[in-house]
Each structure stands twice: as C-alpha cells, then as structure tokens.
Amino acid sequence: MSEKHYATCDWSPADGYKSLTPYGEIKMFEDGGHRALEVMLLSVAACLNYYLVQYAQERKLPIKCIHVECNAETADHPERVSKITTKVVVHGSLSKQACKKMVTICERACKVANTLKYQPSIEVIIEHHEEPIVKRQKLA
C-alpha cells in the first residue's frame, strides 16, 4: 500500500506565495524564501541523511556527525537539472569499507533519489475558474 504525499504552492497578489506540506508552511521565493531547485536538492540530501542516521543508530555505530550535500548542474533546452552530485561526509571511528557499505545500502532506500533516477511519469491537470477564490484547498 502506498502512502499519500502532497505539497501545494499558491500565489495571489494579496498573499504572495504560500507553500504547504502536511507538516506546515515553507517560505518560498520572495523575501529570502527557498527556491524550488534548492528544495528539490534538500529533499535528496534529507532523505539520504535520514536513512544514514537510522542505519547508524540501529547498529549503534560510533558516528559523531553525518553531513549530506547535494549540488546540481543545470542545462538548457529544456531547462532542467542535468546532474546531481551527492557528497556524504561521515565523522566517527568507522572504517572506510563500513562507511561505503552504509552509504550504498541507504542510497538504495532513498525514495527521493530513486524517484529522480527512475523518472516518474508527470501529469499536469489544469482547472480554470473564473469565479473569485473562496477558500484555498489542500491538494488531495
């Protein structure tokens, strides 16, 4: 059974951008808010970091800090990310081989990275309303 995930992004002249997930609002674009590309990269980094931490904690590995950084290269025609490089830095008394095994296993578990690697189908549905907005609705 698959889980239901969603995110919304609204804009109006009065309110500007409003982006929501089930966990709350995310400040986007204006006034120092996040940019969409960085949020995508953060999703990859956070997903992998989560699995790395779970792996380390479940096995009580001697790790002090795990840092995951994602960098993107972009391309034109069409505008897109052409490459994502993920750097994992592990601080602790773990052998290089054990570290590599941990990262390999956790990378396979990362739903966000797997989604980008295996290109999901993307469907755009357009609804047009001429009447004024009554209430913003959650994407369901």
N, C-alpha and C. Protein backbone atom coordinates (compact mmCIF):
# COMPACT_ATOMS: atom_id res chain seq x y z
N MET A 1 0.84 -1.18 0.00
CA MET A 1 0.00 0.00 0.00
C MET A 1 0.89 1.24 0.00
N SER A 2 0.60 2.17 -0.88
CA SER A 2 1.43 3.36 -0.96
C SER A 2 0.87 4.49 -0.09
N GLU A 3 1.77 5.31 0.42
CA GLU A 3 1.38 6.43 1.25
C GLU A 3 0.95 7.59 0.37
N LYS A 4 0.12 8.48 0.91
CA LYS A 4 -0.32 9.67 0.19
C LYS A 4 0.55 10.84 0.62
N HIS A 5 1.25 11.44 -0.32
CA HIS A 5 2.09 12.60 -0.04
C HIS A 5 1.59 13.75 -0.90
N TYR A 6 1.72 14.98 -0.41
CA TYR A 6 1.34 16.12 -1.22
C TYR A 6 2.10 17.36 -0.80
N ALA A 7 2.11 18.31 -1.69
CA ALA A 7 2.62 19.65 -1.41
C ALA A 7 1.84 20.60 -2.30
N THR A 8 1.61 21.80 -1.82
CA THR A 8 0.90 22.79 -2.61
C THR A 8 1.72 24.08 -2.66
N CYS A 9 1.52 24.83 -3.71
CA CYS A 9 2.12 26.15 -3.83
C CYS A 9 1.08 27.06 -4.47
N ASP A 10 0.66 28.08 -3.75
CA ASP A 10 -0.33 29.05 -4.23
C ASP A 10 0.34 30.40 -4.38
N TRP A 11 -0.26 31.23 -5.20
CA TRP A 11 0.17 32.63 -5.31
C TRP A 11 -1.06 33.48 -5.53
N SER A 12 -1.10 34.61 -4.88
CA SER A 12 -2.11 35.63 -5.14
C SER A 12 -1.47 36.99 -4.91
N PRO A 13 -1.98 38.03 -5.57
CA PRO A 13 -1.39 39.37 -5.37
C PRO A 13 -1.41 39.80 -3.90
N ALA A 14 -2.46 39.44 -3.19
CA ALA A 14 -2.59 39.86 -1.79
C ALA A 14 -1.66 39.10 -0.85
N ASP A 15 -1.48 37.79 -1.09
CA ASP A 15 -0.72 36.95 -0.16
C ASP A 15 0.66 36.55 -0.64
N GLY A 16 0.97 36.76 -1.92
CA GLY A 16 2.23 36.28 -2.47
C GLY A 16 2.22 34.76 -2.53
N TYR A 17 3.37 34.14 -2.35
CA TYR A 17 3.49 32.68 -2.41
C TYR A 17 3.14 32.06 -1.07
N LYS A 18 2.44 30.94 -1.12
CA LYS A 18 2.14 30.17 0.08
C LYS A 18 2.33 28.70 -0.29
N SER A 19 3.30 28.06 0.34
CA SER A 19 3.61 26.66 0.05
C SER A 19 3.39 25.83 1.30
N LEU A 20 2.67 24.72 1.13
CA LEU A 20 2.32 23.89 2.27
C LEU A 20 2.64 22.42 2.01
N THR A 21 2.98 21.72 3.07
CA THR A 21 3.06 20.27 3.07
C THR A 21 2.20 19.83 4.25
N PRO A 22 2.02 18.54 4.46
CA PRO A 22 1.24 18.11 5.63
C PRO A 22 1.87 18.56 6.96
N TYR A 23 3.13 18.98 6.91
CA TYR A 23 3.84 19.34 8.14
C TYR A 23 3.95 20.83 8.38
N GLY A 24 3.38 21.63 7.50
CA GLY A 24 3.38 23.07 7.71
C GLY A 24 3.79 23.85 6.47
N GLU A 25 3.91 25.15 6.69
CA GLU A 25 4.22 26.07 5.59
C GLU A 25 5.72 26.16 5.36
N ILE A 26 6.11 26.32 4.11
CA ILE A 26 7.50 26.52 3.72
C ILE A 26 7.57 27.87 3.02
N LYS A 27 8.46 28.72 3.46
CA LYS A 27 8.61 30.04 2.84
C LYS A 27 9.33 29.88 1.50
N MET A 28 8.70 30.36 0.45
CA MET A 28 9.24 30.20 -0.90
C MET A 28 9.44 31.56 -1.58
N PHE A 29 10.46 31.65 -2.39
CA PHE A 29 10.76 32.71 -3.34
C PHE A 29 10.97 34.10 -2.73
N GLU A 30 9.93 34.82 -2.43
CA GLU A 30 10.04 36.22 -2.04
C GLU A 30 10.62 36.39 -0.63
N ASP A 31 11.27 37.51 -0.41
CA ASP A 31 11.78 37.87 0.91
C ASP A 31 12.65 36.80 1.56
N GLY A 32 13.60 36.27 0.78
CA GLY A 32 14.54 35.32 1.35
C GLY A 32 14.02 33.90 1.45
N GLY A 33 12.91 33.61 0.81
CA GLY A 33 12.37 32.25 0.85
C GLY A 33 13.19 31.29 0.01
N HIS A 34 12.87 30.05 0.14
CA HIS A 34 13.57 28.98 -0.60
C HIS A 34 13.24 29.03 -2.09
N ARG A 35 14.14 28.53 -2.89
CA ARG A 35 13.93 28.37 -4.33
C ARG A 35 13.61 26.90 -4.59
N ALA A 36 12.81 26.65 -5.61
CA ALA A 36 12.33 25.29 -5.88
C ALA A 36 13.47 24.30 -6.10
N LEU A 37 14.50 24.69 -6.84
CA LEU A 37 15.62 23.78 -7.11
C LEU A 37 16.33 23.39 -5.82
N GLU A 38 16.53 24.35 -4.93
CA GLU A 38 17.20 24.04 -3.66
C GLU A 38 16.34 23.15 -2.78
N VAL A 39 15.02 23.33 -2.84
CA VAL A 39 14.12 22.45 -2.08
C VAL A 39 14.21 21.02 -2.61
N MET A 40 14.31 20.87 -3.93
CA MET A 40 14.48 19.54 -4.51
C MET A 40 15.80 18.91 -4.05
N LEU A 41 16.88 19.69 -4.09
CA LEU A 41 18.18 19.17 -3.64
C LEU A 41 18.14 18.83 -2.15
N LEU A 42 17.48 19.68 -1.38
CA LEU A 42 17.35 19.42 0.06
C LEU A 42 16.57 18.13 0.29
N SER A 43 15.58 17.86 -0.53
CA SER A 43 14.81 16.62 -0.40
C SER A 43 15.70 15.40 -0.59
N VAL A 44 16.58 15.45 -1.57
CA VAL A 44 17.51 14.34 -1.80
C VAL A 44 18.46 14.20 -0.61
N ALA A 45 19.06 15.30 -0.19
CA ALA A 45 20.01 15.27 0.92
C ALA A 45 19.35 14.81 2.21
N ALA A 46 18.16 15.33 2.50
CA ALA A 46 17.47 14.99 3.75
C ALA A 46 17.05 13.52 3.76
N CYS A 47 16.59 13.02 2.63
CA CYS A 47 16.16 11.63 2.55
C CYS A 47 17.34 10.69 2.82
N LEU A 48 18.44 10.93 2.14
CA LEU A 48 19.62 10.08 2.34
C LEU A 48 20.15 10.23 3.77
N ASN A 49 20.19 11.44 4.28
CA ASN A 49 20.67 11.67 5.64
C ASN A 49 19.80 10.92 6.65
N TYR A 50 18.49 10.95 6.45
CA TYR A 50 17.58 10.25 7.35
C TYR A 50 17.92 8.76 7.42
N TYR A 51 18.09 8.13 6.27
CA TYR A 51 18.38 6.69 6.26
C TYR A 51 19.76 6.39 6.83
N LEU A 52 20.72 7.27 6.59
CA LEU A 52 22.05 7.08 7.17
C LEU A 52 22.00 7.13 8.69
N VAL A 53 21.28 8.10 9.22
CA VAL A 53 21.15 8.23 10.68
C VAL A 53 20.44 7.01 11.26
N GLN A 54 19.35 6.58 10.62
CA GLN A 54 18.63 5.40 11.11
C GLN A 54 19.53 4.17 11.12
N TYR A 55 20.27 3.99 10.05
CA TYR A 55 21.20 2.86 9.92
C TYR A 55 22.23 2.90 11.05
N ALA A 56 22.83 4.06 11.24
CA ALA A 56 23.88 4.21 12.26
C ALA A 56 23.33 3.99 13.67
N GLN A 57 22.16 4.56 13.94
CA GLN A 57 21.58 4.43 15.29
C GLN A 57 21.15 3.00 15.58
N GLU A 58 20.53 2.33 14.61
CA GLU A 58 20.08 0.96 14.83
C GLU A 58 21.25 0.02 15.10
N ARG A 59 22.41 0.31 14.52
CA ARG A 59 23.59 -0.54 14.70
C ARG A 59 24.55 0.00 15.76
N LYS A 60 24.15 1.11 16.37
CA LYS A 60 24.98 1.75 17.41
C LYS A 60 26.41 2.00 16.92
N LEU A 61 26.50 2.53 15.70
CA LEU A 61 27.82 2.81 15.10
C LEU A 61 28.44 4.04 15.75
N PRO A 62 29.77 4.08 15.85
CA PRO A 62 30.47 5.18 16.50
C PRO A 62 30.58 6.42 15.59
N ILE A 63 29.45 7.04 15.32
CA ILE A 63 29.42 8.19 14.42
C ILE A 63 29.05 9.44 15.21
N LYS A 64 29.80 10.51 14.98
CA LYS A 64 29.57 11.79 15.65
C LYS A 64 28.70 12.72 14.81
N CYS A 65 28.85 12.65 13.48
CA CYS A 65 28.14 13.57 12.60
C CYS A 65 28.06 12.98 11.19
N ILE A 66 26.92 13.18 10.55
CA ILE A 66 26.75 12.80 9.15
C ILE A 66 26.28 14.04 8.41
N HIS A 67 26.99 14.40 7.35
CA HIS A 67 26.68 15.59 6.55
C HIS A 67 26.44 15.13 5.11
N VAL A 68 25.28 15.51 4.55
CA VAL A 68 24.97 15.18 3.16
C VAL A 68 24.74 16.48 2.41
N GLU A 69 25.45 16.64 1.31
CA GLU A 69 25.35 17.85 0.49
C GLU A 69 25.05 17.44 -0.95
N CYS A 70 24.07 18.09 -1.55
CA CYS A 70 23.73 17.84 -2.95
C CYS A 70 23.99 19.10 -3.76
N ASN A 71 24.68 18.94 -4.87
CA ASN A 71 24.94 20.05 -5.79
C ASN A 71 24.38 19.69 -7.15
N ALA A 72 23.88 20.71 -7.85
CA ALA A 72 23.25 20.47 -9.15
C ALA A 72 23.98 21.20 -10.25
N GLU A 73 24.03 20.55 -11.40
CA GLU A 73 24.44 21.20 -12.64
C GLU A 73 23.18 21.32 -13.48
N THR A 74 23.02 22.47 -14.14
CA THR A 74 21.81 22.68 -14.92
C THR A 74 22.13 22.70 -16.41
N ALA A 75 21.09 22.51 -17.20
CA ALA A 75 21.22 22.51 -18.66
C ALA A 75 20.03 23.28 -19.25
N ASP A 76 20.20 23.71 -20.47
CA ASP A 76 19.14 24.43 -21.19
C ASP A 76 18.47 23.50 -22.19
N HIS A 77 17.35 23.92 -22.67
CA HIS A 77 16.63 23.28 -23.80
C HIS A 77 16.35 21.82 -23.59
N PRO A 78 15.45 21.41 -22.77
CA PRO A 78 14.65 22.23 -21.87
C PRO A 78 15.40 22.54 -20.58
N GLU A 79 14.97 23.60 -19.89
CA GLU A 79 15.56 23.97 -18.60
C GLU A 79 15.40 22.80 -17.65
N ARG A 80 16.51 22.34 -17.06
CA ARG A 80 16.44 21.19 -16.17
C ARG A 80 17.74 21.04 -15.38
N VAL A 81 17.72 20.13 -14.44
CA VAL A 81 18.93 19.71 -13.75
C VAL A 81 19.50 18.57 -14.58
N SER A 82 20.76 18.68 -14.96
CA SER A 82 21.38 17.63 -15.77
C SER A 82 22.19 16.65 -14.92
N LYS A 83 22.59 17.09 -13.72
CA LYS A 83 23.39 16.20 -12.87
C LYS A 83 23.26 16.65 -11.42
N ILE A 84 23.12 15.67 -10.54
CA ILE A 84 23.14 15.92 -9.10
C ILE A 84 24.30 15.13 -8.52
N THR A 85 25.18 15.82 -7.82
CA THR A 85 26.30 15.17 -7.15
C THR A 85 26.02 15.23 -5.65
N THR A 86 26.05 14.06 -5.02
CA THR A 86 25.80 13.98 -3.59
C THR A 86 27.09 13.62 -2.88
N LYS A 87 27.45 14.43 -1.90
CA LYS A 87 28.66 14.20 -1.10
C LYS A 87 28.22 13.84 0.31
N VAL A 88 28.71 12.72 0.80
CA VAL A 88 28.40 12.27 2.17
C VAL A 88 29.69 12.35 2.98
N VAL A 89 29.64 13.08 4.09
CA VAL A 89 30.79 13.20 4.99
C VAL A 89 30.39 12.57 6.32
N VAL A 90 31.16 11.57 6.74
CA VAL A 90 30.88 10.88 7.99
C VAL A 90 32.04 11.14 8.95
N HIS A 91 31.72 11.64 10.13
CA HIS A 91 32.72 11.85 11.19
C HIS A 91 32.49 10.78 12.25
N GLY A 92 33.52 10.01 12.52
CA GLY A 92 33.42 8.97 13.52
C GLY A 92 34.45 7.88 13.25
N SER A 93 34.54 6.96 14.18
CA SER A 93 35.55 5.89 14.04
C SER A 93 34.92 4.69 13.35
N LEU A 94 34.67 4.86 12.06
CA LEU A 94 34.08 3.82 11.21
C LEU A 94 35.05 3.59 10.07
N SER A 95 35.28 2.34 9.70
CA SER A 95 36.21 2.07 8.61
C SER A 95 35.63 2.59 7.29
N LYS A 96 36.51 2.84 6.33
CA LYS A 96 36.07 3.33 5.02
C LYS A 96 35.14 2.31 4.37
N GLN A 97 35.45 1.02 4.52
CA GLN A 97 34.62 -0.04 3.95
C GLN A 97 33.23 -0.06 4.59
N ALA A 98 33.16 0.07 5.91
CA ALA A 98 31.87 0.09 6.61
C ALA A 98 31.06 1.32 6.23
N CYS A 99 31.76 2.42 6.04
CA CYS A 99 31.10 3.67 5.64
C CYS A 99 30.51 3.52 4.23
N LYS A 100 31.29 2.95 3.34
CA LYS A 100 30.82 2.76 1.95
C LYS A 100 29.61 1.82 1.93
N LYS A 101 29.64 0.76 2.72
CA LYS A 101 28.52 -0.17 2.80
C LYS A 101 27.26 0.55 3.31
N MET A 102 27.41 1.35 4.35
CA MET A 102 26.28 2.09 4.91
C MET A 102 25.67 3.01 3.86
N VAL A 103 26.50 3.77 3.16
CA VAL A 103 26.00 4.72 2.16
C VAL A 103 25.32 3.97 1.02
N THR A 104 25.89 2.88 0.56
CA THR A 104 25.31 2.10 -0.54
C THR A 104 23.93 1.56 -0.17
N ILE A 105 23.81 1.00 1.02
CA ILE A 105 22.53 0.45 1.47
C ILE A 105 21.49 1.57 1.63
N CYS A 106 21.89 2.66 2.23
CA CYS A 106 20.96 3.75 2.48
C CYS A 106 20.56 4.48 1.19
N GLU A 107 21.48 4.57 0.25
CA GLU A 107 21.16 5.20 -1.03
C GLU A 107 20.05 4.41 -1.74
N ARG A 108 20.09 3.10 -1.65
CA ARG A 108 19.05 2.26 -2.26
C ARG A 108 17.69 2.48 -1.61
N ALA A 109 17.67 2.89 -0.35
CA ALA A 109 16.41 3.08 0.38
C ALA A 109 15.80 4.46 0.16
N CYS A 110 16.58 5.39 -0.38
CA CYS A 110 16.13 6.78 -0.51
C CYS A 110 15.10 6.94 -1.63
N LYS A 111 13.84 7.11 -1.25
CA LYS A 111 12.74 7.22 -2.21
C LYS A 111 12.90 8.44 -3.11
N VAL A 112 13.42 9.53 -2.59
CA VAL A 112 13.56 10.75 -3.38
C VAL A 112 14.61 10.56 -4.48
N ALA A 113 15.78 10.06 -4.13
CA ALA A 113 16.82 9.83 -5.13
C ALA A 113 16.37 8.78 -6.15
N ASN A 114 15.72 7.72 -5.67
CA ASN A 114 15.23 6.70 -6.59
C ASN A 114 14.21 7.26 -7.57
N THR A 115 13.39 8.17 -7.10
CA THR A 115 12.40 8.81 -7.98
C THR A 115 13.10 9.57 -9.10
N LEU A 116 14.15 10.29 -8.77
CA LEU A 116 14.88 11.04 -9.80
C LEU A 116 15.64 10.11 -10.74
N LYS A 117 16.18 9.03 -10.21
CA LYS A 117 16.92 8.08 -11.04
C LYS A 117 16.02 7.33 -12.02
N TYR A 118 14.80 7.05 -11.59
CA TYR A 118 13.90 6.22 -12.39
C TYR A 118 12.71 6.99 -12.93
N GLN A 119 12.88 8.25 -13.23
CA GLN A 119 11.92 9.15 -13.87
C GLN A 119 10.45 8.75 -13.75
N PRO A 120 9.74 9.37 -12.83
CA PRO A 120 8.32 9.09 -12.72
C PRO A 120 7.55 9.73 -13.88
N SER A 121 6.36 9.23 -14.14
CA SER A 121 5.52 9.93 -15.10
C SER A 121 5.00 11.19 -14.39
N ILE A 122 4.88 12.26 -15.11
CA ILE A 122 4.40 13.51 -14.55
C ILE A 122 3.17 13.93 -15.33
N GLU A 123 2.09 14.14 -14.63
CA GLU A 123 0.83 14.52 -15.25
C GLU A 123 0.43 15.90 -14.74
N VAL A 124 0.09 16.80 -15.63
CA VAL A 124 -0.38 18.13 -15.25
C VAL A 124 -1.86 18.21 -15.57
N ILE A 125 -2.66 18.51 -14.57
CA ILE A 125 -4.10 18.66 -14.73
C ILE A 125 -4.42 20.13 -14.55
N ILE A 126 -5.13 20.71 -15.49
CA ILE A 126 -5.46 22.14 -15.42
C ILE A 126 -6.93 22.32 -15.07
N GLU A 127 -7.18 23.12 -14.04
CA GLU A 127 -8.53 23.55 -13.69
C GLU A 127 -8.56 25.06 -13.84
N HIS A 128 -9.55 25.57 -14.49
CA HIS A 128 -9.69 27.01 -14.67
C HIS A 128 -10.99 27.46 -14.05
N HIS A 129 -10.94 28.49 -13.21
CA HIS A 129 -12.13 29.02 -12.53
C HIS A 129 -12.20 30.52 -12.78
N GLU A 130 -13.33 31.00 -13.28
CA GLU A 130 -13.49 32.43 -13.48
C GLU A 130 -14.03 33.12 -12.25
N GLU A 131 -14.64 32.38 -11.33
CA GLU A 131 -15.18 32.98 -10.12
C GLU A 131 -14.05 33.29 -9.13
N PRO A 132 -14.27 34.20 -8.22
CA PRO A 132 -13.22 34.55 -7.24
C PRO A 132 -12.92 33.38 -6.30
N ILE A 133 -11.74 33.43 -5.73
CA ILE A 133 -11.31 32.39 -4.79
C ILE A 133 -12.13 32.51 -3.52
N VAL A 134 -12.69 31.39 -3.11
CA VAL A 134 -13.46 31.37 -1.87
C VAL A 134 -12.58 30.85 -0.74
N LYS A 135 -11.88 29.75 -1.00
CA LYS A 135 -11.05 29.11 0.04
C LYS A 135 -9.98 28.31 -0.65
N ARG A 136 -8.75 28.42 -0.18
CA ARG A 136 -7.67 27.58 -0.70
C ARG A 136 -7.89 26.17 -0.23
N GLN A 137 -7.73 25.22 -1.14
CA GLN A 137 -7.97 23.82 -0.80
C GLN A 137 -6.68 23.03 -0.85
N LYS A 138 -6.62 22.03 0.02
CA LYS A 138 -5.48 21.11 0.05
C LYS A 138 -5.55 20.20 -1.16
N LEU A 139 -4.42 19.97 -1.80
CA LEU A 139 -4.34 19.00 -2.90
C LEU A 139 -4.57 17.62 -2.33
N ALA A 140 -5.52 16.90 -2.86
CA ALA A 140 -5.84 15.58 -2.30
C ALA A 140 -5.64 14.49 -3.31
